[in-house]
Amino acid sequence: MAIPSFNEYLKATLDTVADGDSWDAQRLSETLADRFRLTAADRAELLPSGARPRYRDRVLWALTYLFRASLMTKVSRGV
């Protein structure tokens, strides 16, 4: 399966964190990768810059936009 679009990550992120638990980006990235059934090859796909895996980057951007839209709050740094 290909890595889902950014828009799919927005909804999946909201659905996942709706449980009321505290989530860090790493745990959320892995949970969503499992939810989307990403293969090892999908998880290994890097951004063109090589800075980080594409699926993790999509989670980080989804979090950024959801925080800016006040749809999520940070309970502490990185959480």
PDB file of N, CA and C in Angstrom:
ATOM      1  N   MET A   1       0.851  -1.180   0.000  1.00  0.00           N
ATOM      2  CA  MET A   1       0.000   0.000   0.000  1.00  0.00           C
ATOM      3  C   MET A   1       0.890   1.234   0.000  1.00  0.00           C
ATOM      4  N   ALA A   2       0.479   2.227  -0.731  1.00  0.00           N
ATOM      5  CA  ALA A   2       1.217   3.488  -0.744  1.00  0.00           C
ATOM      6  C   ALA A   2       0.902   4.271   0.531  1.00  0.00           C
ATOM      7  N   ILE A   3       1.780   5.171   0.848  1.00  0.00           N
ATOM      8  CA  ILE A   3       1.572   6.016   2.024  1.00  0.00           C
ATOM      9  C   ILE A   3       0.360   6.905   1.759  1.00  0.00           C
ATOM     10  N   PRO A   4      -0.602   6.937   2.678  1.00  0.00           N
ATOM     11  CA  PRO A   4      -1.808   7.738   2.486  1.00  0.00           C
ATOM     12  C   PRO A   4      -1.488   9.234   2.342  1.00  0.00           C
ATOM     13  N   SER A   5      -2.439   9.949   1.788  1.00  0.00           N
ATOM     14  CA  SER A   5      -2.274  11.386   1.588  1.00  0.00           C
ATOM     15  C   SER A   5      -2.273  12.127   2.918  1.00  0.00           C
ATOM     16  N   PHE A   6      -1.793  13.338   2.862  1.00  0.00           N
ATOM     17  CA  PHE A   6      -1.764  14.193   4.046  1.00  0.00           C
ATOM     18  C   PHE A   6      -3.172  14.334   4.639  1.00  0.00           C
ATOM     19  N   ASN A   7      -4.177  14.529   3.799  1.00  0.00           N
ATOM     20  CA  ASN A   7      -5.547  14.704   4.292  1.00  0.00           C
ATOM     21  C   ASN A   7      -6.047  13.471   5.045  1.00  0.00           C
ATOM     22  N   GLU A   8      -5.659  12.298   4.586  1.00  0.00           N
ATOM     23  CA  GLU A   8      -6.047  11.079   5.298  1.00  0.00           C
ATOM     24  C   GLU A   8      -5.389  11.023   6.673  1.00  0.00           C
ATOM     25  N   TYR A   9      -4.184  11.550   6.767  1.00  0.00           N
ATOM     26  CA  TYR A   9      -3.487  11.595   8.059  1.00  0.00           C
ATOM     27  C   TYR A   9      -4.174  12.538   9.034  1.00  0.00           C
ATOM     28  N   LEU A  10      -4.754  13.629   8.555  1.00  0.00           N
ATOM     29  CA  LEU A  10      -5.449  14.565   9.449  1.00  0.00           C
ATOM     30  C   LEU A  10      -6.574  13.855  10.197  1.00  0.00           C
ATOM     31  N   LYS A  11      -7.452  13.193   9.452  1.00  0.00           N
ATOM     32  CA  LYS A  11      -8.586  12.522  10.081  1.00  0.00           C
ATOM     33  C   LYS A  11      -8.124  11.371  10.965  1.00  0.00           C
ATOM     34  N   ALA A  12      -7.193  10.580  10.485  1.00  0.00           N
ATOM     35  CA  ALA A  12      -6.716   9.444  11.269  1.00  0.00           C
ATOM     36  C   ALA A  12      -6.060   9.899  12.565  1.00  0.00           C
ATOM     37  N   THR A  13      -5.351  11.011  12.516  1.00  0.00           N
ATOM     38  CA  THR A  13      -4.720  11.552  13.728  1.00  0.00           C
ATOM     39  C   THR A  13      -5.787  11.940  14.744  1.00  0.00           C
ATOM     40  N   LEU A  14      -6.790  12.663  14.301  1.00  0.00           N
ATOM     41  CA  LEU A  14      -7.872  13.053  15.215  1.00  0.00           C
ATOM     42  C   LEU A  14      -8.586  11.838  15.787  1.00  0.00           C
ATOM     43  N   ASP A  15      -8.866  10.862  14.939  1.00  0.00           N
ATOM     44  CA  ASP A  15      -9.539   9.643  15.413  1.00  0.00           C
ATOM     45  C   ASP A  15      -8.707   8.920  16.462  1.00  0.00           C
ATOM     46  N   THR A  16      -7.412   8.868  16.245  1.00  0.00           N
ATOM     47  CA  THR A  16      -6.529   8.129  17.140  1.00  0.00           C
ATOM     48  C   THR A  16      -6.378   8.815  18.489  1.00  0.00           C
ATOM     49  N   VAL A  17      -6.184  10.122  18.496  1.00  0.00           N
ATOM     50  CA  VAL A  17      -5.968  10.821  19.770  1.00  0.00           C
ATOM     51  C   VAL A  17      -7.267  11.095  20.517  1.00  0.00           C
ATOM     52  N   ALA A  18      -8.398  10.763  19.919  1.00  0.00           N
ATOM     53  CA  ALA A  18      -9.696  10.993  20.565  1.00  0.00           C
ATOM     54  C   ALA A  18      -9.905  10.107  21.784  1.00  0.00           C
ATOM     55  N   ASP A  19      -9.014   9.144  22.016  1.00  0.00           N
ATOM     56  CA  ASP A  19      -9.158   8.260  23.170  1.00  0.00           C
ATOM     57  C   ASP A  19      -8.843   8.961  24.486  1.00  0.00           C
ATOM     58  N   GLY A  20      -8.313  10.200  24.405  1.00  0.00           N
ATOM     59  CA  GLY A  20      -8.030  10.965  25.610  1.00  0.00           C
ATOM     60  C   GLY A  20      -6.673  10.674  26.219  1.00  0.00           C
ATOM     61  N   ASP A  21      -5.939   9.725  25.662  1.00  0.00           N
ATOM     62  CA  ASP A  21      -4.603   9.391  26.143  1.00  0.00           C
ATOM     63  C   ASP A  21      -3.623  10.462  25.654  1.00  0.00           C
ATOM     64  N   SER A  22      -2.471  10.554  26.269  1.00  0.00           N
ATOM     65  CA  SER A  22      -1.411  11.461  25.807  1.00  0.00           C
ATOM     66  C   SER A  22      -0.565  10.726  24.782  1.00  0.00           C
ATOM     67  N   TRP A  23      -0.297  11.377  23.664  1.00  0.00           N
ATOM     68  CA  TRP A  23       0.431  10.769  22.555  1.00  0.00           C
ATOM     69  C   TRP A  23       1.652  11.599  22.211  1.00  0.00           C
ATOM     70  N   ASP A  24       2.795  10.928  22.003  1.00  0.00           N
ATOM     71  CA  ASP A  24       3.937  11.634  21.429  1.00  0.00           C
ATOM     72  C   ASP A  24       3.986  11.286  19.942  1.00  0.00           C
ATOM     73  N   ALA A  25       4.741  12.049  19.177  1.00  0.00           N
ATOM     74  CA  ALA A  25       4.760  11.902  17.721  1.00  0.00           C
ATOM     75  C   ALA A  25       5.263  10.523  17.291  1.00  0.00           C
ATOM     76  N   GLN A  26       6.239   9.980  17.998  1.00  0.00           N
ATOM     77  CA  GLN A  26       6.777   8.667  17.619  1.00  0.00           C
ATOM     78  C   GLN A  26       5.725   7.579  17.782  1.00  0.00           C
ATOM     79  N   ARG A  27       5.083   7.557  18.917  1.00  0.00           N
ATOM     80  CA  ARG A  27       4.040   6.549  19.166  1.00  0.00           C
ATOM     81  C   ARG A  27       2.891   6.702  18.186  1.00  0.00           C
ATOM     82  N   LEU A  28       2.485   7.944  17.928  1.00  0.00           N
ATOM     83  CA  LEU A  28       1.408   8.208  16.982  1.00  0.00           C
ATOM     84  C   LEU A  28       1.805   7.770  15.578  1.00  0.00           C
ATOM     85  N   SER A  29       3.030   8.052  15.179  1.00  0.00           N
ATOM     86  CA  SER A  29       3.510   7.652  13.846  1.00  0.00           C
ATOM     87  C   SER A  29       3.418   6.148  13.662  1.00  0.00           C
ATOM     88  N   GLU A  30       3.879   5.398  14.654  1.00  0.00           N
ATOM     89  CA  GLU A  30       3.867   3.938  14.548  1.00  0.00           C
ATOM     90  C   GLU A  30       2.444   3.382  14.598  1.00  0.00           C
ATOM     91  N   THR A  31       1.598   3.963  15.429  1.00  0.00           N
ATOM     92  CA  THR A  31       0.205   3.521  15.512  1.00  0.00           C
ATOM     93  C   THR A  31      -0.511   3.745  14.189  1.00  0.00           C
ATOM     94  N   LEU A  32      -0.308   4.914  13.589  1.00  0.00           N
ATOM     95  CA  LEU A  32      -0.952   5.196  12.305  1.00  0.00           C
ATOM     96  C   LEU A  32      -0.365   4.342  11.185  1.00  0.00           C
ATOM     97  N   ALA A  33       0.922   4.077  11.231  1.00  0.00           N
ATOM     98  CA  ALA A  33       1.538   3.200  10.223  1.00  0.00           C
ATOM     99  C   ALA A  33       0.904   1.806  10.303  1.00  0.00           C
ATOM    100  N   ASP A  34       0.673   1.326  11.518  1.00  0.00           N
ATOM    101  CA  ASP A  34       0.008   0.032  11.687  1.00  0.00           C
ATOM    102  C   ASP A  34      -1.435   0.115  11.193  1.00  0.00           C
ATOM    103  N   ARG A  35      -2.111   1.191  11.516  1.00  0.00           N
ATOM    104  CA  ARG A  35      -3.506   1.361  11.107  1.00  0.00           C
ATOM    105  C   ARG A  35      -3.640   1.385   9.587  1.00  0.00           C
ATOM    106  N   PHE A  36      -2.698   2.049   8.917  1.00  0.00           N
ATOM    107  CA  PHE A  36      -2.719   2.122   7.453  1.00  0.00           C
ATOM    108  C   PHE A  36      -2.078   0.890   6.807  1.00  0.00           C
ATOM    109  N   ARG A  37      -1.593  -0.026   7.632  1.00  0.00           N
ATOM    110  CA  ARG A  37      -0.948  -1.257   7.160  1.00  0.00           C
ATOM    111  C   ARG A  37       0.218  -0.959   6.213  1.00  0.00           C
ATOM    112  N   LEU A  38       1.068  -0.033   6.643  1.00  0.00           N
ATOM    113  CA  LEU A  38       2.230   0.308   5.832  1.00  0.00           C
ATOM    114  C   LEU A  38       3.248  -0.824   5.897  1.00  0.00           C
ATOM    115  N   THR A  39       3.815  -1.133   4.767  1.00  0.00           N
ATOM    116  CA  THR A  39       4.828  -2.186   4.695  1.00  0.00           C
ATOM    117  C   THR A  39       6.165  -1.631   5.181  1.00  0.00           C
ATOM    118  N   ALA A  40       7.124  -2.517   5.332  1.00  0.00           N
ATOM    119  CA  ALA A  40       8.476  -2.090   5.724  1.00  0.00           C
ATOM    120  C   ALA A  40       9.050  -1.151   4.666  1.00  0.00           C
ATOM    121  N   ALA A  41       8.757  -1.418   3.400  1.00  0.00           N
ATOM    122  CA  ALA A  41       9.238  -0.544   2.320  1.00  0.00           C
ATOM    123  C   ALA A  41       8.595   0.839   2.415  1.00  0.00           C
ATOM    124  N   ASP A  42       7.292   0.888   2.730  1.00  0.00           N
ATOM    125  CA  ASP A  42       6.611   2.179   2.904  1.00  0.00           C
ATOM    126  C   ASP A  42       7.242   2.956   4.058  1.00  0.00           C
ATOM    127  N   ARG A  43       7.517   2.263   5.142  1.00  0.00           N
ATOM    128  CA  ARG A  43       8.088   2.909   6.324  1.00  0.00           C
ATOM    129  C   ARG A  43       9.526   3.373   6.086  1.00  0.00           C
ATOM    130  N   ALA A  44      10.200   2.734   5.152  1.00  0.00           N
ATOM    131  CA  ALA A  44      11.595   3.088   4.856  1.00  0.00           C
ATOM    132  C   ALA A  44      11.705   4.219   3.828  1.00  0.00           C
ATOM    133  N   GLU A  45      10.603   4.570   3.170  1.00  0.00           N
ATOM    134  CA  GLU A  45      10.629   5.626   2.152  1.00  0.00           C
ATOM    135  C   GLU A  45      10.939   6.974   2.803  1.00  0.00           C
ATOM    136  N   LEU A  46      12.007   7.581   2.360  1.00  0.00           N
ATOM    137  CA  LEU A  46      12.434   8.862   2.925  1.00  0.00           C
ATOM    138  C   LEU A  46      11.945  10.030   2.080  1.00  0.00           C
ATOM    139  N   LEU A  47      11.916  11.206   2.691  1.00  0.00           N
ATOM    140  CA  LEU A  47      11.666  12.439   1.954  1.00  0.00           C
ATOM    141  C   LEU A  47      12.821  12.651   0.981  1.00  0.00           C
ATOM    142  N   PRO A  48      12.624  13.450  -0.060  1.00  0.00           N
ATOM    143  CA  PRO A  48      13.734  13.722  -0.983  1.00  0.00           C
ATOM    144  C   PRO A  48      14.986  14.254  -0.280  1.00  0.00           C
ATOM    145  N   SER A  49      14.807  14.978   0.803  1.00  0.00           N
ATOM    146  CA  SER A  49      15.956  15.507   1.546  1.00  0.00           C
ATOM    147  C   SER A  49      16.679  14.418   2.327  1.00  0.00           C
ATOM    148  N   GLY A  50      15.999  13.290   2.549  1.00  0.00           N
ATOM    149  CA  GLY A  50      16.571  12.213   3.335  1.00  0.00           C
ATOM    150  C   GLY A  50      16.509  12.458   4.828  1.00  0.00           C
ATOM    151  N   ALA A  51      15.805  13.527   5.236  1.00  0.00           N
ATOM    152  CA  ALA A  51      15.772  13.929   6.640  1.00  0.00           C
ATOM    153  C   ALA A  51      15.008  12.961   7.538  1.00  0.00           C
ATOM    154  N   ARG A  52      13.917  12.397   7.030  1.00  0.00           N
ATOM    155  CA  ARG A  52      13.095  11.502   7.852  1.00  0.00           C
ATOM    156  C   ARG A  52      12.186  10.687   6.943  1.00  0.00           C
ATOM    157  N   PRO A  53      11.597   9.623   7.484  1.00  0.00           N
ATOM    158  CA  PRO A  53      10.654   8.834   6.685  1.00  0.00           C
ATOM    159  C   PRO A  53       9.413   9.669   6.335  1.00  0.00           C
ATOM    160  N   ARG A  54       8.891   9.442   5.138  1.00  0.00           N
ATOM    161  CA  ARG A  54       7.738  10.202   4.647  1.00  0.00           C
ATOM    162  C   ARG A  54       6.515  10.021   5.542  1.00  0.00           C
ATOM    163  N   TYR A  55       6.254   8.799   6.023  1.00  0.00           N
ATOM    164  CA  TYR A  55       5.058   8.584   6.844  1.00  0.00           C
ATOM    165  C   TYR A  55       5.150   9.368   8.156  1.00  0.00           C
ATOM    166  N   ARG A  56       6.327   9.475   8.728  1.00  0.00           N
ATOM    167  CA  ARG A  56       6.513  10.245   9.961  1.00  0.00           C
ATOM    168  C   ARG A  56       6.353  11.734   9.700  1.00  0.00           C
ATOM    169  N   ASP A  57       6.841  12.200   8.562  1.00  0.00           N
ATOM    170  CA  ASP A  57       6.698  13.601   8.192  1.00  0.00           C
ATOM    171  C   ASP A  57       5.227  13.984   8.058  1.00  0.00           C
ATOM    172  N   ARG A  58       4.429  13.086   7.498  1.00  0.00           N
ATOM    173  CA  ARG A  58       2.995  13.364   7.347  1.00  0.00           C
ATOM    174  C   ARG A  58       2.329  13.512   8.711  1.00  0.00           C
ATOM    175  N   VAL A  59       2.731  12.707   9.675  1.00  0.00           N
ATOM    176  CA  VAL A  59       2.178  12.823  11.026  1.00  0.00           C
ATOM    177  C   VAL A  59       2.581  14.156  11.648  1.00  0.00           C
ATOM    178  N   LEU A  60       3.838  14.526  11.512  1.00  0.00           N
ATOM    179  CA  LEU A  60       4.311  15.783  12.102  1.00  0.00           C
ATOM    180  C   LEU A  60       3.580  16.989  11.516  1.00  0.00           C
ATOM    181  N   TRP A  61       3.365  16.975  10.198  1.00  0.00           N
ATOM    182  CA  TRP A  61       2.618  18.078   9.583  1.00  0.00           C
ATOM    183  C   TRP A  61       1.154  18.060  10.014  1.00  0.00           C
ATOM    184  N   ALA A  62       0.559  16.893  10.108  1.00  0.00           N
ATOM    185  CA  ALA A  62      -0.830  16.806  10.573  1.00  0.00           C
ATOM    186  C   ALA A  62      -0.947  17.386  11.976  1.00  0.00           C
ATOM    187  N   LEU A  63      -0.014  17.039  12.850  1.00  0.00           N
ATOM    188  CA  LEU A  63      -0.030  17.588  14.205  1.00  0.00           C
ATOM    189  C   LEU A  63       0.110  19.108  14.191  1.00  0.00           C
ATOM    190  N   THR A  64       1.000  19.616  13.368  1.00  0.00           N
ATOM    191  CA  THR A  64       1.200  21.063  13.274  1.00  0.00           C
ATOM    192  C   THR A  64      -0.097  21.769  12.897  1.00  0.00           C
ATOM    193  N   TYR A  65      -0.757  21.284  11.858  1.00  0.00           N
ATOM    194  CA  TYR A  65      -1.993  21.934  11.410  1.00  0.00           C
ATOM    195  C   TYR A  65      -3.124  21.765  12.416  1.00  0.00           C
ATOM    196  N   LEU A  66      -3.213  20.627  13.060  1.00  0.00           N
ATOM    197  CA  LEU A  66      -4.275  20.424  14.050  1.00  0.00           C
ATOM    198  C   LEU A  66      -4.061  21.296  15.284  1.00  0.00           C
ATOM    199  N   PHE A  67      -2.813  21.495  15.701  1.00  0.00           N
ATOM    200  CA  PHE A  67      -2.524  22.405  16.810  1.00  0.00           C
ATOM    201  C   PHE A  67      -2.885  23.835  16.426  1.00  0.00           C
ATOM    202  N   ARG A  68      -2.493  24.249  15.234  1.00  0.00           N
ATOM    203  CA  ARG A  68      -2.772  25.624  14.778  1.00  0.00           C
ATOM    204  C   ARG A  68      -4.263  25.887  14.643  1.00  0.00           C
ATOM    205  N   ALA A  69      -5.027  24.854  14.300  1.00  0.00           N
ATOM    206  CA  ALA A  69      -6.477  24.994  14.171  1.00  0.00           C
ATOM    207  C   ALA A  69      -7.177  24.848  15.528  1.00  0.00           C
ATOM    208  N   SER A  70      -6.404  24.689  16.590  1.00  0.00           N
ATOM    209  CA  SER A  70      -6.920  24.504  17.954  1.00  0.00           C
ATOM    210  C   SER A  70      -7.806  23.270  18.087  1.00  0.00           C
ATOM    211  N   LEU A  71      -7.527  22.260  17.282  1.00  0.00           N
ATOM    212  CA  LEU A  71      -8.263  21.005  17.383  1.00  0.00           C
ATOM    213  C   LEU A  71      -7.563  20.021  18.316  1.00  0.00           C
ATOM    214  N   MET A  72      -6.326  20.366  18.703  1.00  0.00           N
ATOM    215  CA  MET A  72      -5.557  19.565  19.643  1.00  0.00           C
ATOM    216  C   MET A  72      -4.786  20.523  20.540  1.00  0.00           C
ATOM    217  N   THR A  73      -4.404  20.021  21.709  1.00  0.00           N
ATOM    218  CA  THR A  73      -3.566  20.823  22.602  1.00  0.00           C
ATOM    219  C   THR A  73      -2.374  19.984  23.046  1.00  0.00           C
ATOM    220  N   LYS A  74      -1.308  20.667  23.402  1.00  0.00           N
ATOM    221  CA  LYS A  74      -0.121  19.996  23.927  1.00  0.00           C
ATOM    222  C   LYS A  74      -0.214  19.981  25.443  1.00  0.00           C
ATOM    223  N   VAL A  75      -0.009  18.805  26.025  1.00  0.00           N
ATOM    224  CA  VAL A  75      -0.044  18.710  27.483  1.00  0.00           C
ATOM    225  C   VAL A  75       1.340  18.976  28.071  1.00  0.00           C
ATOM    226  N   SER A  76       2.363  18.741  27.285  1.00  0.00           N
ATOM    227  CA  SER A  76       3.735  19.061  27.646  1.00  0.00           C
ATOM    228  C   SER A  76       4.563  19.037  26.372  1.00  0.00           C
ATOM    229  N   ARG A  77       5.811  19.427  26.477  1.00  0.00           N
ATOM    230  CA  ARG A  77       6.656  19.459  25.278  1.00  0.00           C
ATOM    231  C   ARG A  77       6.735  18.060  24.652  1.00  0.00           C
ATOM    232  N   GLY A  78       6.398  18.002  23.368  1.00  0.00           N
ATOM    233  CA  GLY A  78       6.477  16.741  22.631  1.00  0.00           C
ATOM    234  C   GLY A  78       5.320  15.795  22.861  1.00  0.00           C
ATOM    235  N   VAL A  79       4.338  16.190  23.638  1.00  0.00           N
ATOM    236  CA  VAL A  79       3.196  15.304  23.950  1.00  0.00           C
ATOM    237  C   VAL A  79       1.903  16.023  23.659  1.00  0.00           C
TER     238      VAL A  79
END
